[in-house]
Amino acid sequence: MKDKPNEWISISDLMAGVMAVVMLLLVMSVLQKTYAELKHKQEMEQGGAAQQKRIAEMLNDLKKSVEEQGASSLMSFDIADGRITLKDNIFEKGSACITPLAAQAFKNIDVKISKFLQDNSLASIYVEGHTDSLPVSRPVTDYARFCTVYDDNFTLSAARAREARKLLISQLDAIQSKRIVVAGFGDSHPLKGIDSKDGRNRRVEIQFAVTSGN
């Protein structure tokens, strides 16, 4: 009977040791998971920064190409924001049809954009059409002449964005083409500091972006 207290002490010590090991393993598991998550986040941030750098390099290359073609009047470049703005003069007046000069300028651009999307799986392009706030005086129904039919600014802005997208995807396959998204905003997004009726609001913005990976 005298040995029983020692036996209970030994069992208690054993259980305490087991619990300590379990707690240690649990803490190690949590630390490993936290480390893995932080490492993944860091890798994604580094990857995103690298992708953004490639966007800037590609846009600088495109800008140089446009300048060499003498087509600078058709578009402007915002390298820091990863954006190209196509001006109103790339379209025929009151139309979604691309002018011959603009179509020629894009022959070099679309090849480079295609290569950029092929080389950068996390990159996407958003093509956004904008107009001024002057109302459409009468419905346009001659598709053959105007490359669209429209009776308001939203429809015209979407049609112009669609036609601009066509210029970008001529070198892409079906899967890559899905990474170029189109939207028409009409007169709802005027340029800062400019009256909504100002013709400079008529534009198509091509925004390059990097999506997050899974």
N, C-alpha and C. Protein backbone atom coordinates (compact mmCIF):
# COMPACT_ATOMS: atom_id res chain seq x y z
N MET A 1 0.84 -1.21 0.00
CA MET A 1 0.00 0.00 0.00
C MET A 1 0.87 1.25 0.00
N LYS A 2 2.04 1.16 0.58
CA LYS A 2 2.91 2.32 0.66
C LYS A 2 3.43 2.74 -0.71
N ASP A 3 3.43 1.79 -1.68
CA ASP A 3 3.97 2.11 -3.01
C ASP A 3 2.96 2.85 -3.89
N LYS A 4 1.68 2.85 -3.56
CA LYS A 4 0.65 3.43 -4.42
C LYS A 4 0.83 4.92 -4.65
N PRO A 5 1.17 5.75 -3.64
CA PRO A 5 1.37 7.19 -3.91
C PRO A 5 2.42 7.41 -4.97
N ASN A 6 3.53 6.67 -4.92
CA ASN A 6 4.59 6.83 -5.92
C ASN A 6 4.10 6.46 -7.30
N GLU A 7 3.24 5.43 -7.38
CA GLU A 7 2.71 5.02 -8.68
C GLU A 7 1.86 6.14 -9.27
N TRP A 8 1.02 6.78 -8.43
CA TRP A 8 0.18 7.88 -8.94
C TRP A 8 1.03 9.07 -9.36
N ILE A 9 2.10 9.34 -8.63
CA ILE A 9 3.01 10.43 -8.99
C ILE A 9 3.65 10.16 -10.35
N SER A 10 4.05 8.92 -10.59
CA SER A 10 4.66 8.55 -11.87
C SER A 10 3.69 8.73 -13.02
N ILE A 11 2.42 8.32 -12.81
CA ILE A 11 1.40 8.47 -13.85
C ILE A 11 1.13 9.95 -14.12
N SER A 12 1.10 10.74 -13.05
CA SER A 12 0.87 12.18 -13.20
C SER A 12 2.01 12.83 -13.98
N ASP A 13 3.23 12.44 -13.65
CA ASP A 13 4.40 12.96 -14.38
C ASP A 13 4.34 12.58 -15.85
N LEU A 14 3.91 11.32 -16.11
CA LEU A 14 3.82 10.85 -17.50
C LEU A 14 2.79 11.64 -18.28
N MET A 15 1.60 11.85 -17.65
CA MET A 15 0.55 12.60 -18.32
C MET A 15 0.98 14.05 -18.56
N ALA A 16 1.66 14.63 -17.59
CA ALA A 16 2.14 16.00 -17.76
C ALA A 16 3.14 16.09 -18.90
N GLY A 17 4.00 15.07 -18.99
CA GLY A 17 4.97 15.04 -20.09
C GLY A 17 4.29 14.91 -21.44
N VAL A 18 3.27 14.03 -21.48
CA VAL A 18 2.53 13.86 -22.74
C VAL A 18 1.85 15.17 -23.15
N MET A 19 1.21 15.83 -22.19
CA MET A 19 0.55 17.09 -22.48
C MET A 19 1.53 18.14 -22.96
N ALA A 20 2.70 18.16 -22.36
CA ALA A 20 3.73 19.13 -22.76
C ALA A 20 4.16 18.89 -24.21
N VAL A 21 4.31 17.60 -24.55
CA VAL A 21 4.69 17.27 -25.93
C VAL A 21 3.60 17.67 -26.91
N VAL A 22 2.34 17.38 -26.53
CA VAL A 22 1.21 17.74 -27.39
C VAL A 22 1.15 19.24 -27.60
N MET A 23 1.31 20.01 -26.51
CA MET A 23 1.27 21.46 -26.60
C MET A 23 2.42 21.98 -27.46
N LEU A 24 3.59 21.36 -27.32
CA LEU A 24 4.74 21.77 -28.12
C LEU A 24 4.50 21.53 -29.61
N LEU A 25 3.92 20.35 -29.91
CA LEU A 25 3.62 20.03 -31.31
C LEU A 25 2.57 20.99 -31.88
N LEU A 26 1.58 21.34 -31.03
CA LEU A 26 0.53 22.25 -31.47
C LEU A 26 1.10 23.63 -31.77
N VAL A 27 1.96 24.11 -30.86
CA VAL A 27 2.59 25.43 -31.06
C VAL A 27 3.45 25.42 -32.32
N MET A 28 4.20 24.34 -32.52
CA MET A 28 5.05 24.24 -33.71
C MET A 28 4.21 24.23 -34.98
N SER A 29 3.05 23.54 -34.92
CA SER A 29 2.16 23.48 -36.08
C SER A 29 1.62 24.86 -36.42
N VAL A 30 1.21 25.61 -35.37
CA VAL A 30 0.68 26.95 -35.59
C VAL A 30 1.76 27.87 -36.13
N LEU A 31 2.96 27.79 -35.59
CA LEU A 31 4.06 28.62 -36.06
C LEU A 31 4.43 28.31 -37.50
N GLN A 32 4.43 27.02 -37.84
CA GLN A 32 4.75 26.63 -39.22
C GLN A 32 3.70 27.15 -40.18
N LYS A 33 2.41 27.06 -39.78
CA LYS A 33 1.33 27.56 -40.63
C LYS A 33 1.44 29.07 -40.81
N THR A 34 1.71 29.78 -39.70
CA THR A 34 1.85 31.23 -39.77
C THR A 34 3.02 31.62 -40.66
N TYR A 35 4.13 30.91 -40.50
CA TYR A 35 5.31 31.19 -41.32
C TYR A 35 5.01 30.95 -42.79
N ALA A 36 4.31 29.85 -43.07
CA ALA A 36 3.98 29.52 -44.47
C ALA A 36 3.08 30.60 -45.07
N GLU A 37 2.10 31.08 -44.28
CA GLU A 37 1.20 32.11 -44.77
C GLU A 37 1.95 33.41 -45.03
N LEU A 38 2.83 33.79 -44.11
CA LEU A 38 3.61 35.01 -44.28
C LEU A 38 4.54 34.91 -45.49
N LYS A 39 5.13 33.73 -45.64
CA LYS A 39 6.04 33.53 -46.77
C LYS A 39 5.27 33.62 -48.08
N HIS A 40 4.06 33.00 -48.12
CA HIS A 40 3.25 33.04 -49.32
C HIS A 40 2.85 34.49 -49.64
N LYS A 41 2.45 35.25 -48.60
CA LYS A 41 2.07 36.63 -48.80
C LYS A 41 3.25 37.45 -49.33
N GLN A 42 4.42 37.21 -48.76
CA GLN A 42 5.61 37.92 -49.20
C GLN A 42 5.95 37.59 -50.65
N GLU A 43 5.82 36.31 -50.99
CA GLU A 43 6.09 35.89 -52.37
C GLU A 43 5.11 36.53 -53.34
N MET A 44 3.82 36.61 -52.94
CA MET A 44 2.81 37.22 -53.79
C MET A 44 3.07 38.71 -53.97
N GLU A 45 3.48 39.39 -52.86
CA GLU A 45 3.77 40.81 -52.97
C GLU A 45 4.98 41.05 -53.86
N GLN A 46 5.99 40.22 -53.71
CA GLN A 46 7.17 40.35 -54.54
C GLN A 46 6.84 40.06 -55.99
N GLY A 47 5.99 39.03 -56.19
CA GLY A 47 5.57 38.69 -57.54
C GLY A 47 4.77 39.81 -58.17
N GLY A 48 3.87 40.43 -57.36
CA GLY A 48 3.07 41.54 -57.87
C GLY A 48 3.94 42.73 -58.24
N ALA A 49 4.95 43.02 -57.40
CA ALA A 49 5.86 44.12 -57.69
C ALA A 49 6.62 43.86 -58.98
N ALA A 50 7.03 42.63 -59.17
CA ALA A 50 7.75 42.26 -60.39
C ALA A 50 6.85 42.42 -61.60
N GLN A 51 5.57 42.02 -61.46
CA GLN A 51 4.63 42.16 -62.56
C GLN A 51 4.39 43.64 -62.88
N GLN A 52 4.26 44.46 -61.84
CA GLN A 52 4.06 45.89 -62.06
C GLN A 52 5.25 46.51 -62.78
N LYS A 53 6.42 46.03 -62.46
CA LYS A 53 7.62 46.51 -63.14
C LYS A 53 7.59 46.14 -64.61
N ARG A 54 7.11 44.92 -64.90
CA ARG A 54 7.01 44.50 -66.29
C ARG A 54 5.98 45.34 -67.05
N ILE A 55 4.89 45.71 -66.37
CA ILE A 55 3.89 46.58 -67.00
C ILE A 55 4.52 47.91 -67.39
N ALA A 56 5.30 48.48 -66.46
CA ALA A 56 5.94 49.76 -66.74
C ALA A 56 6.93 49.63 -67.91
N GLU A 57 7.68 48.55 -67.92
CA GLU A 57 8.64 48.34 -69.01
C GLU A 57 7.92 48.19 -70.34
N MET A 58 6.81 47.45 -70.35
CA MET A 58 6.06 47.24 -71.57
C MET A 58 5.46 48.55 -72.07
N LEU A 59 4.91 49.37 -71.14
CA LEU A 59 4.31 50.64 -71.54
C LEU A 59 5.36 51.61 -72.08
N ASN A 60 6.53 51.62 -71.49
CA ASN A 60 7.61 52.46 -72.00
C ASN A 60 8.00 52.03 -73.41
N ASP A 61 8.01 50.74 -73.64
CA ASP A 61 8.31 50.21 -74.97
C ASP A 61 7.23 50.61 -75.97
N LEU A 62 5.96 50.50 -75.55
CA LEU A 62 4.85 50.89 -76.42
C LEU A 62 4.89 52.39 -76.73
N LYS A 63 5.19 53.18 -75.72
CA LYS A 63 5.24 54.64 -75.91
C LYS A 63 6.31 55.00 -76.93
N LYS A 64 7.46 54.36 -76.84
CA LYS A 64 8.54 54.62 -77.79
C LYS A 64 8.12 54.24 -79.20
N SER A 65 7.44 53.09 -79.32
CA SER A 65 6.97 52.63 -80.63
C SER A 65 5.96 53.61 -81.22
N VAL A 66 5.03 54.11 -80.40
CA VAL A 66 4.01 55.06 -80.86
C VAL A 66 4.67 56.36 -81.31
N GLU A 67 5.65 56.81 -80.56
CA GLU A 67 6.35 58.06 -80.91
C GLU A 67 7.10 57.90 -82.23
N GLU A 68 7.71 56.74 -82.44
CA GLU A 68 8.44 56.50 -83.68
C GLU A 68 7.51 56.48 -84.90
N GLN A 69 6.26 56.07 -84.67
CA GLN A 69 5.27 56.04 -85.75
C GLN A 69 4.61 57.39 -85.99
N GLY A 70 4.91 58.35 -85.12
CA GLY A 70 4.27 59.65 -85.23
C GLY A 70 2.81 59.63 -84.86
N ALA A 71 2.45 58.72 -83.95
CA ALA A 71 1.04 58.56 -83.56
C ALA A 71 0.78 59.03 -82.14
N SER A 72 1.64 59.90 -81.61
CA SER A 72 1.48 60.34 -80.22
C SER A 72 0.19 61.12 -80.00
N SER A 73 -0.34 61.71 -81.07
CA SER A 73 -1.58 62.49 -80.93
C SER A 73 -2.80 61.61 -80.67
N LEU A 74 -2.63 60.28 -80.87
CA LEU A 74 -3.75 59.36 -80.73
C LEU A 74 -3.93 58.85 -79.31
N MET A 75 -2.87 58.88 -78.53
CA MET A 75 -2.93 58.28 -77.20
C MET A 75 -1.90 58.88 -76.27
N SER A 76 -2.16 58.75 -74.98
CA SER A 76 -1.21 59.20 -73.96
C SER A 76 -0.94 58.05 -73.00
N PHE A 77 0.19 58.12 -72.32
CA PHE A 77 0.62 57.04 -71.45
C PHE A 77 0.80 57.55 -70.02
N ASP A 78 0.25 56.81 -69.07
CA ASP A 78 0.49 57.06 -67.65
C ASP A 78 1.22 55.82 -67.12
N ILE A 79 2.53 55.89 -67.14
CA ILE A 79 3.34 54.72 -66.80
C ILE A 79 3.13 54.32 -65.35
N ALA A 80 3.08 55.30 -64.45
CA ALA A 80 2.96 55.01 -63.02
C ALA A 80 1.67 54.28 -62.69
N ASP A 81 0.59 54.64 -63.36
CA ASP A 81 -0.72 54.01 -63.10
C ASP A 81 -0.99 52.83 -64.02
N GLY A 82 -0.07 52.53 -64.94
CA GLY A 82 -0.25 51.39 -65.83
C GLY A 82 -1.42 51.57 -66.79
N ARG A 83 -1.50 52.76 -67.41
CA ARG A 83 -2.68 53.05 -68.22
C ARG A 83 -2.32 53.75 -69.53
N ILE A 84 -3.03 53.35 -70.59
CA ILE A 84 -2.99 54.05 -71.87
C ILE A 84 -4.36 54.70 -72.08
N THR A 85 -4.37 55.96 -72.48
CA THR A 85 -5.62 56.63 -72.80
C THR A 85 -5.68 56.88 -74.30
N LEU A 86 -6.67 56.27 -74.94
CA LEU A 86 -6.91 56.48 -76.36
C LEU A 86 -7.82 57.70 -76.51
N LYS A 87 -7.37 58.66 -77.30
CA LYS A 87 -8.12 59.90 -77.43
C LYS A 87 -9.27 59.75 -78.42
N ASP A 88 -10.14 60.73 -78.39
CA ASP A 88 -11.35 60.68 -79.21
C ASP A 88 -11.03 60.57 -80.70
N ASN A 89 -9.86 61.08 -81.12
CA ASN A 89 -9.55 61.11 -82.55
C ASN A 89 -9.12 59.76 -83.13
N ILE A 90 -9.10 58.70 -82.31
CA ILE A 90 -8.84 57.38 -82.91
C ILE A 90 -10.12 56.81 -83.53
N PHE A 91 -11.24 57.48 -83.24
CA PHE A 91 -12.53 57.05 -83.79
C PHE A 91 -13.02 58.07 -84.82
N GLU A 92 -13.79 57.59 -85.77
CA GLU A 92 -14.48 58.50 -86.67
C GLU A 92 -15.48 59.30 -85.84
N LYS A 93 -15.81 60.51 -86.29
CA LYS A 93 -16.69 61.39 -85.52
C LYS A 93 -18.05 60.75 -85.29
N GLY A 94 -18.48 60.74 -84.01
CA GLY A 94 -19.77 60.18 -83.66
C GLY A 94 -19.91 58.70 -83.95
N SER A 95 -18.77 58.01 -84.00
CA SER A 95 -18.77 56.61 -84.44
C SER A 95 -17.90 55.76 -83.52
N ALA A 96 -18.08 54.45 -83.63
CA ALA A 96 -17.20 53.51 -82.94
C ALA A 96 -16.14 52.95 -83.87
N CYS A 97 -16.15 53.38 -85.13
CA CYS A 97 -15.19 52.88 -86.12
C CYS A 97 -13.80 53.47 -85.86
N ILE A 98 -12.79 52.62 -85.86
CA ILE A 98 -11.41 53.05 -85.68
C ILE A 98 -10.89 53.68 -86.97
N THR A 99 -10.17 54.80 -86.86
CA THR A 99 -9.62 55.43 -88.05
C THR A 99 -8.48 54.57 -88.61
N PRO A 100 -8.21 54.66 -89.91
CA PRO A 100 -7.11 53.89 -90.51
C PRO A 100 -5.76 54.16 -89.84
N LEU A 101 -5.51 55.42 -89.47
CA LEU A 101 -4.24 55.76 -88.83
C LEU A 101 -4.09 55.03 -87.49
N ALA A 102 -5.18 55.00 -86.71
CA ALA A 102 -5.14 54.31 -85.42
C ALA A 102 -4.97 52.81 -85.60
N ALA A 103 -5.67 52.26 -86.57
CA ALA A 103 -5.55 50.82 -86.84
C ALA A 103 -4.11 50.45 -87.21
N GLN A 104 -3.47 51.32 -87.98
CA GLN A 104 -2.08 51.07 -88.37
C GLN A 104 -1.16 51.13 -87.17
N ALA A 105 -1.39 52.11 -86.29
CA ALA A 105 -0.56 52.26 -85.10
C ALA A 105 -0.65 51.05 -84.18
N PHE A 106 -1.83 50.43 -84.15
CA PHE A 106 -2.03 49.29 -83.26
C PHE A 106 -1.42 48.00 -83.79
N LYS A 107 -0.99 47.98 -85.02
CA LYS A 107 -0.40 46.76 -85.57
C LYS A 107 0.86 46.35 -84.83
N ASN A 108 1.60 47.33 -84.35
CA ASN A 108 2.79 47.02 -83.55
C ASN A 108 2.44 46.85 -82.08
N ILE A 109 1.45 47.60 -81.61
CA ILE A 109 1.08 47.56 -80.20
C ILE A 109 0.48 46.22 -79.82
N ASP A 110 -0.41 45.69 -80.65
CA ASP A 110 -1.10 44.46 -80.25
C ASP A 110 -0.16 43.28 -80.13
N VAL A 111 0.89 43.25 -80.93
CA VAL A 111 1.87 42.17 -80.84
C VAL A 111 2.58 42.20 -79.49
N LYS A 112 2.94 43.40 -79.05
CA LYS A 112 3.65 43.54 -77.79
C LYS A 112 2.74 43.26 -76.60
N ILE A 113 1.50 43.68 -76.70
CA ILE A 113 0.55 43.40 -75.62
C ILE A 113 0.28 41.90 -75.55
N SER A 114 0.18 41.25 -76.69
CA SER A 114 -0.02 39.81 -76.73
C SER A 114 1.12 39.08 -76.04
N LYS A 115 2.34 39.48 -76.34
CA LYS A 115 3.51 38.85 -75.71
C LYS A 115 3.52 39.10 -74.21
N PHE A 116 3.11 40.30 -73.82
CA PHE A 116 3.06 40.63 -72.40
C PHE A 116 2.11 39.71 -71.66
N LEU A 117 0.91 39.49 -72.21
CA LEU A 117 -0.07 38.61 -71.55
C LEU A 117 0.41 37.16 -71.55
N GLN A 118 1.09 36.75 -72.60
CA GLN A 118 1.60 35.38 -72.66
C GLN A 118 2.69 35.15 -71.62
N ASP A 119 3.49 36.18 -71.37
CA ASP A 119 4.61 36.05 -70.43
C ASP A 119 4.21 36.31 -68.99
N ASN A 120 3.04 36.90 -68.77
CA ASN A 120 2.63 37.29 -67.41
C ASN A 120 1.22 36.77 -67.13
N SER A 121 1.16 35.64 -66.51
CA SER A 121 -0.12 34.95 -66.30
C SER A 121 -1.05 35.68 -65.33
N LEU A 122 -0.53 36.58 -64.49
CA LEU A 122 -1.36 37.28 -63.52
C LEU A 122 -1.85 38.64 -64.03
N ALA A 123 -1.50 38.97 -65.25
CA ALA A 123 -1.88 40.28 -65.79
C ALA A 123 -3.25 40.23 -66.46
N SER A 124 -4.00 41.33 -66.30
CA SER A 124 -5.28 41.50 -66.97
C SER A 124 -5.35 42.91 -67.55
N ILE A 125 -6.26 43.11 -68.49
CA ILE A 125 -6.43 44.42 -69.12
C ILE A 125 -7.90 44.80 -69.06
N TYR A 126 -8.16 46.05 -68.65
CA TYR A 126 -9.53 46.56 -68.58
C TYR A 126 -9.66 47.71 -69.58
N VAL A 127 -10.58 47.56 -70.52
CA VAL A 127 -10.79 48.57 -71.55
C VAL A 127 -12.09 49.31 -71.21
N GLU A 128 -11.97 50.60 -70.90
CA GLU A 128 -13.11 51.37 -70.39
C GLU A 128 -13.42 52.54 -71.32
N GLY A 129 -14.66 52.58 -71.82
CA GLY A 129 -15.08 53.66 -72.70
C GLY A 129 -15.74 54.79 -71.92
N HIS A 130 -15.46 56.04 -72.33
CA HIS A 130 -16.01 57.22 -71.67
C HIS A 130 -16.46 58.24 -72.72
N THR A 131 -17.45 59.05 -72.37
CA THR A 131 -17.91 60.12 -73.25
C THR A 131 -18.07 61.41 -72.45
N ASP A 132 -18.41 62.49 -73.17
CA ASP A 132 -18.80 63.72 -72.47
C ASP A 132 -20.29 63.60 -72.13
N SER A 133 -20.85 64.65 -71.55
CA SER A 133 -22.24 64.57 -71.10
C SER A 133 -23.23 65.18 -72.09
N LEU A 134 -22.76 65.59 -73.25
CA LEU A 134 -23.69 66.11 -74.25
C LEU A 134 -24.59 64.98 -74.73
N PRO A 135 -25.89 65.17 -74.72
CA PRO A 135 -26.81 64.09 -75.10
C PRO A 135 -26.72 63.74 -76.58
N VAL A 136 -27.04 62.51 -76.90
CA VAL A 136 -27.10 62.08 -78.30
C VAL A 136 -28.34 62.71 -78.92
N SER A 137 -28.13 63.44 -80.01
CA SER A 137 -29.23 64.21 -80.60
C SER A 137 -30.29 63.32 -81.24
N ARG A 138 -29.83 62.23 -81.85
CA ARG A 138 -30.79 61.31 -82.47
C ARG A 138 -30.17 59.91 -82.53
N PRO A 139 -30.98 58.88 -82.52
CA PRO A 139 -30.44 57.51 -82.55
C PRO A 139 -29.63 57.25 -83.82
N VAL A 140 -28.56 56.50 -83.66
CA VAL A 140 -27.73 56.07 -84.79
C VAL A 140 -28.06 54.62 -85.06
N THR A 141 -28.49 54.31 -86.27
CA THR A 141 -28.95 52.96 -86.59
C THR A 141 -28.19 52.32 -87.75
N ASP A 142 -27.28 53.06 -88.37
CA ASP A 142 -26.53 52.54 -89.52
C ASP A 142 -25.24 51.86 -89.01
N TYR A 143 -25.35 50.57 -88.72
CA TYR A 143 -24.21 49.85 -88.16
C TYR A 143 -23.03 49.83 -89.13
N ALA A 144 -23.30 49.63 -90.38
CA ALA A 144 -22.22 49.53 -91.38
C ALA A 144 -21.38 50.81 -91.41
N ARG A 145 -21.99 51.93 -91.20
CA ARG A 145 -21.30 53.21 -91.27
C ARG A 145 -20.63 53.57 -89.95
N PHE A 146 -21.30 53.28 -88.83
CA PHE A 146 -20.83 53.73 -87.52
C PHE A 146 -20.25 52.61 -86.65
N CYS A 147 -20.24 51.38 -87.14
CA CYS A 147 -19.71 50.22 -86.40
C CYS A 147 -20.48 49.94 -85.11
N THR A 148 -21.65 50.50 -84.98
CA THR A 148 -22.51 50.26 -83.82
C THR A 148 -23.86 50.92 -84.07
N VAL A 149 -24.80 50.62 -83.21
CA VAL A 149 -26.04 51.40 -83.15
C VAL A 149 -26.15 51.91 -81.70
N TYR A 150 -26.61 53.15 -81.54
CA TYR A 150 -26.70 53.69 -80.18
C TYR A 150 -27.68 54.86 -80.14
N ASP A 151 -28.20 55.07 -78.95
CA ASP A 151 -29.06 56.23 -78.74
C ASP A 151 -28.73 56.95 -77.44
N ASP A 152 -27.62 56.54 -76.80
CA ASP A 152 -27.17 57.24 -75.60
C ASP A 152 -25.66 57.09 -75.47
N ASN A 153 -25.10 57.83 -74.55
CA ASN A 153 -23.64 57.84 -74.38
C ASN A 153 -23.09 56.55 -73.81
N PHE A 154 -23.87 55.88 -72.97
CA PHE A 154 -23.40 54.62 -72.40
C PHE A 154 -23.19 53.57 -73.50
N THR A 155 -24.14 53.50 -74.41
CA THR A 155 -24.03 52.53 -75.49
C THR A 155 -22.85 52.84 -76.40
N LEU A 156 -22.66 54.13 -76.71
CA LEU A 156 -21.53 54.53 -77.57
C LEU A 156 -20.21 54.24 -76.88
N SER A 157 -20.10 54.54 -75.59
CA SER A 157 -18.85 54.31 -74.87
C SER A 157 -18.51 52.82 -74.82
N ALA A 158 -19.53 51.98 -74.63
CA ALA A 158 -19.30 50.53 -74.61
C ALA A 158 -18.87 50.03 -75.98
N ALA A 159 -19.48 50.57 -77.03
CA ALA A 159 -19.13 50.15 -78.39
C ALA A 159 -17.69 50.55 -78.73
N ARG A 160 -17.28 51.73 -78.32
CA ARG A 160 -15.91 52.16 -78.58
C ARG A 160 -14.90 51.32 -77.80
N ALA A 161 -15.26 50.97 -76.57
CA ALA A 161 -14.38 50.09 -75.79
C ALA A 161 -14.29 48.72 -76.45
N ARG A 162 -15.40 48.24 -76.97
CA ARG A 162 -15.42 46.94 -77.66
C ARG A 162 -14.52 46.96 -78.89
N GLU A 163 -14.60 48.03 -79.68
CA GLU A 163 -13.78 48.13 -80.89
C GLU A 163 -12.30 48.26 -80.54
N ALA A 164 -11.99 48.97 -79.46
CA ALA A 164 -10.61 49.07 -79.00
C ALA A 164 -10.08 47.71 -78.56
N ARG A 165 -10.94 46.95 -77.91
CA ARG A 165 -10.55 45.60 -77.48
C ARG A 165 -10.21 44.73 -78.68
N LYS A 166 -10.96 44.87 -79.75
CA LYS A 166 -10.69 44.08 -80.95
C LYS A 166 -9.27 44.31 -81.45
N LEU A 167 -8.80 45.55 -81.31
CA LEU A 167 -7.44 45.86 -81.74
C LEU A 167 -6.40 45.14 -80.88
N LEU A 168 -6.76 44.91 -79.61
CA LEU A 168 -5.81 44.31 -78.67
C LEU A 168 -5.76 42.79 -78.77
N ILE A 169 -6.84 42.16 -79.19
CA ILE A 169 -6.92 40.70 -79.11
C ILE A 169 -6.63 39.99 -80.43
N SER A 170 -6.26 40.73 -81.45
CA SER A 170 -6.06 40.10 -82.75
C SER A 170 -4.96 39.05 -82.74
N GLN A 171 -4.03 39.18 -81.79
CA GLN A 171 -2.92 38.23 -81.70
C GLN A 171 -3.09 37.22 -80.57
N LEU A 172 -4.26 37.23 -79.91
CA LEU A 172 -4.45 36.38 -78.74
C LEU A 172 -5.32 35.17 -79.05
N ASP A 173 -5.13 34.11 -78.25
CA ASP A 173 -6.04 32.97 -78.37
C ASP A 173 -7.27 33.22 -77.50
N ALA A 174 -8.22 32.30 -77.51
CA ALA A 174 -9.50 32.51 -76.83
C ALA A 174 -9.33 32.67 -75.32
N ILE A 175 -8.42 31.90 -74.74
CA ILE A 175 -8.23 31.96 -73.28
C ILE A 175 -7.62 33.29 -72.87
N GLN A 176 -6.59 33.73 -73.59
CA GLN A 176 -5.96 35.01 -73.28
C GLN A 176 -6.91 36.18 -73.51
N SER A 177 -7.75 36.06 -74.51
CA SER A 177 -8.69 37.15 -74.82
C SER A 177 -9.65 37.40 -73.66
N LYS A 178 -9.95 36.37 -72.87
CA LYS A 178 -10.86 36.53 -71.74
C LYS A 178 -10.26 37.40 -70.64
N ARG A 179 -8.97 37.63 -70.71
CA ARG A 179 -8.31 38.47 -69.71
C ARG A 179 -8.37 39.95 -70.07
N ILE A 180 -9.06 40.28 -71.16
CA ILE A 180 -9.29 41.67 -71.55
C ILE A 180 -10.78 41.96 -71.37
N VAL A 181 -11.09 42.79 -70.39
CA VAL A 181 -12.48 43.06 -69.98
C VAL A 181 -12.91 44.43 -70.49
N VAL A 182 -14.15 44.51 -70.96
CA VAL A 182 -14.67 45.75 -71.55
C VAL A 182 -15.80 46.32 -70.69
N ALA A 183 -15.84 47.65 -70.57
CA ALA A 183 -16.94 48.31 -69.86
C ALA A 183 -17.17 49.68 -70.48
N GLY A 184 -18.42 50.11 -70.51
CA GLY A 184 -18.76 51.45 -70.98
C GLY A 184 -19.36 52.26 -69.85
N PHE A 185 -18.80 53.45 -69.59
CA PHE A 185 -19.24 54.27 -68.46
C PHE A 185 -19.98 55.54 -68.88
N GLY A 186 -20.13 55.75 -70.19
CA GLY A 186 -20.81 56.95 -70.63
C GLY A 186 -20.13 58.20 -70.09
N ASP A 187 -20.94 59.12 -69.54
CA ASP A 187 -20.38 60.38 -69.01
C ASP A 187 -20.23 60.35 -67.49
N SER A 188 -20.29 59.17 -66.88
CA SER A 188 -20.30 59.06 -65.42
C SER A 188 -18.92 59.22 -64.78
N HIS A 189 -17.85 59.18 -65.59
CA HIS A 189 -16.49 59.32 -65.05
C HIS A 189 -15.72 60.40 -65.80
N PRO A 190 -16.12 61.67 -65.65
CA PRO A 190 -15.38 62.74 -66.33
C PRO A 190 -13.98 62.90 -65.76
N LEU A 191 -13.09 63.44 -66.55
CA LEU A 191 -11.73 63.70 -66.08
C LEU A 191 -11.76 64.74 -64.97
N LYS A 192 -10.84 64.63 -64.02
CA LYS A 192 -10.80 65.56 -62.89
C LYS A 192 -10.49 66.97 -63.37
N GLY A 193 -11.24 67.92 -62.81
CA GLY A 193 -11.00 69.32 -63.12
C GLY A 193 -11.52 69.77 -64.47
N ILE A 194 -12.29 68.91 -65.15
CA ILE A 194 -12.81 69.24 -66.47
C ILE A 194 -14.33 69.11 -66.45
N ASP A 195 -15.00 70.08 -67.06
CA ASP A 195 -16.45 70.03 -67.14
C ASP A 195 -16.89 68.77 -67.88
N SER A 196 -17.98 68.18 -67.43
CA SER A 196 -18.43 66.92 -68.02
C SER A 196 -18.80 67.06 -69.49
N LYS A 197 -19.09 68.29 -69.94
CA LYS A 197 -19.45 68.52 -71.34
C LYS A 197 -18.23 68.66 -72.24
N ASP A 198 -17.06 68.79 -71.63
CA ASP A 198 -15.82 68.98 -72.40
C ASP A 198 -15.53 67.75 -73.25
N GLY A 199 -15.19 67.96 -74.51
CA GLY A 199 -14.92 66.87 -75.43
C GLY A 199 -13.74 66.00 -75.05
N ARG A 200 -12.86 66.51 -74.18
CA ARG A 200 -11.71 65.71 -73.75
C ARG A 200 -12.13 64.49 -72.93
N ASN A 201 -13.35 64.51 -72.46
CA ASN A 201 -13.86 63.35 -71.72
C ASN A 201 -14.13 62.15 -72.63
N ARG A 202 -14.20 62.39 -73.93
CA ARG A 202 -14.42 61.29 -74.88
C ARG A 202 -13.10 60.56 -75.07
N ARG A 203 -13.02 59.37 -74.51
CA ARG A 203 -11.76 58.64 -74.49
C ARG A 203 -12.02 57.17 -74.19
N VAL A 204 -11.01 56.34 -74.44
CA VAL A 204 -11.02 54.95 -74.01
C VAL A 204 -9.75 54.72 -73.20
N GLU A 205 -9.90 54.24 -71.98
CA GLU A 205 -8.75 53.98 -71.12
C GLU A 205 -8.46 52.49 -71.09
N ILE A 206 -7.20 52.16 -71.31
CA ILE A 206 -6.76 50.77 -71.26
C ILE A 206 -5.90 50.62 -70.01
N GLN A 207 -6.46 49.94 -69.02
CA GLN A 207 -5.80 49.81 -67.72
C GLN A 207 -5.19 48.41 -67.57
N PHE A 208 -3.90 48.38 -67.31
CA PHE A 208 -3.20 47.12 -67.08
C PHE A 208 -3.14 46.87 -65.58
N ALA A 209 -3.47 45.65 -65.18
CA ALA A 209 -3.53 45.34 -63.76
C ALA A 209 -2.95 43.96 -63.51
N VAL A 210 -2.58 43.73 -62.26
CA VAL A 210 -2.06 42.43 -61.83
C VAL A 210 -3.03 41.84 -60.83
N THR A 211 -3.60 40.70 -61.14
CA THR A 211 -4.53 40.04 -60.23
C THR A 211 -3.75 39.19 -59.24
N SER A 212 -4.35 38.96 -58.07
CA SER A 212 -3.69 38.16 -57.05
C SER A 212 -3.85 36.68 -57.36
N GLY A 213 -2.82 35.93 -57.07
CA GLY A 213 -2.88 34.48 -57.29
C GLY A 213 -3.59 33.79 -56.14
N ASN A 214 -3.88 32.49 -56.33
CA ASN A 214 -4.54 31.71 -55.28
C ASN A 214 -3.52 31.11 -54.33
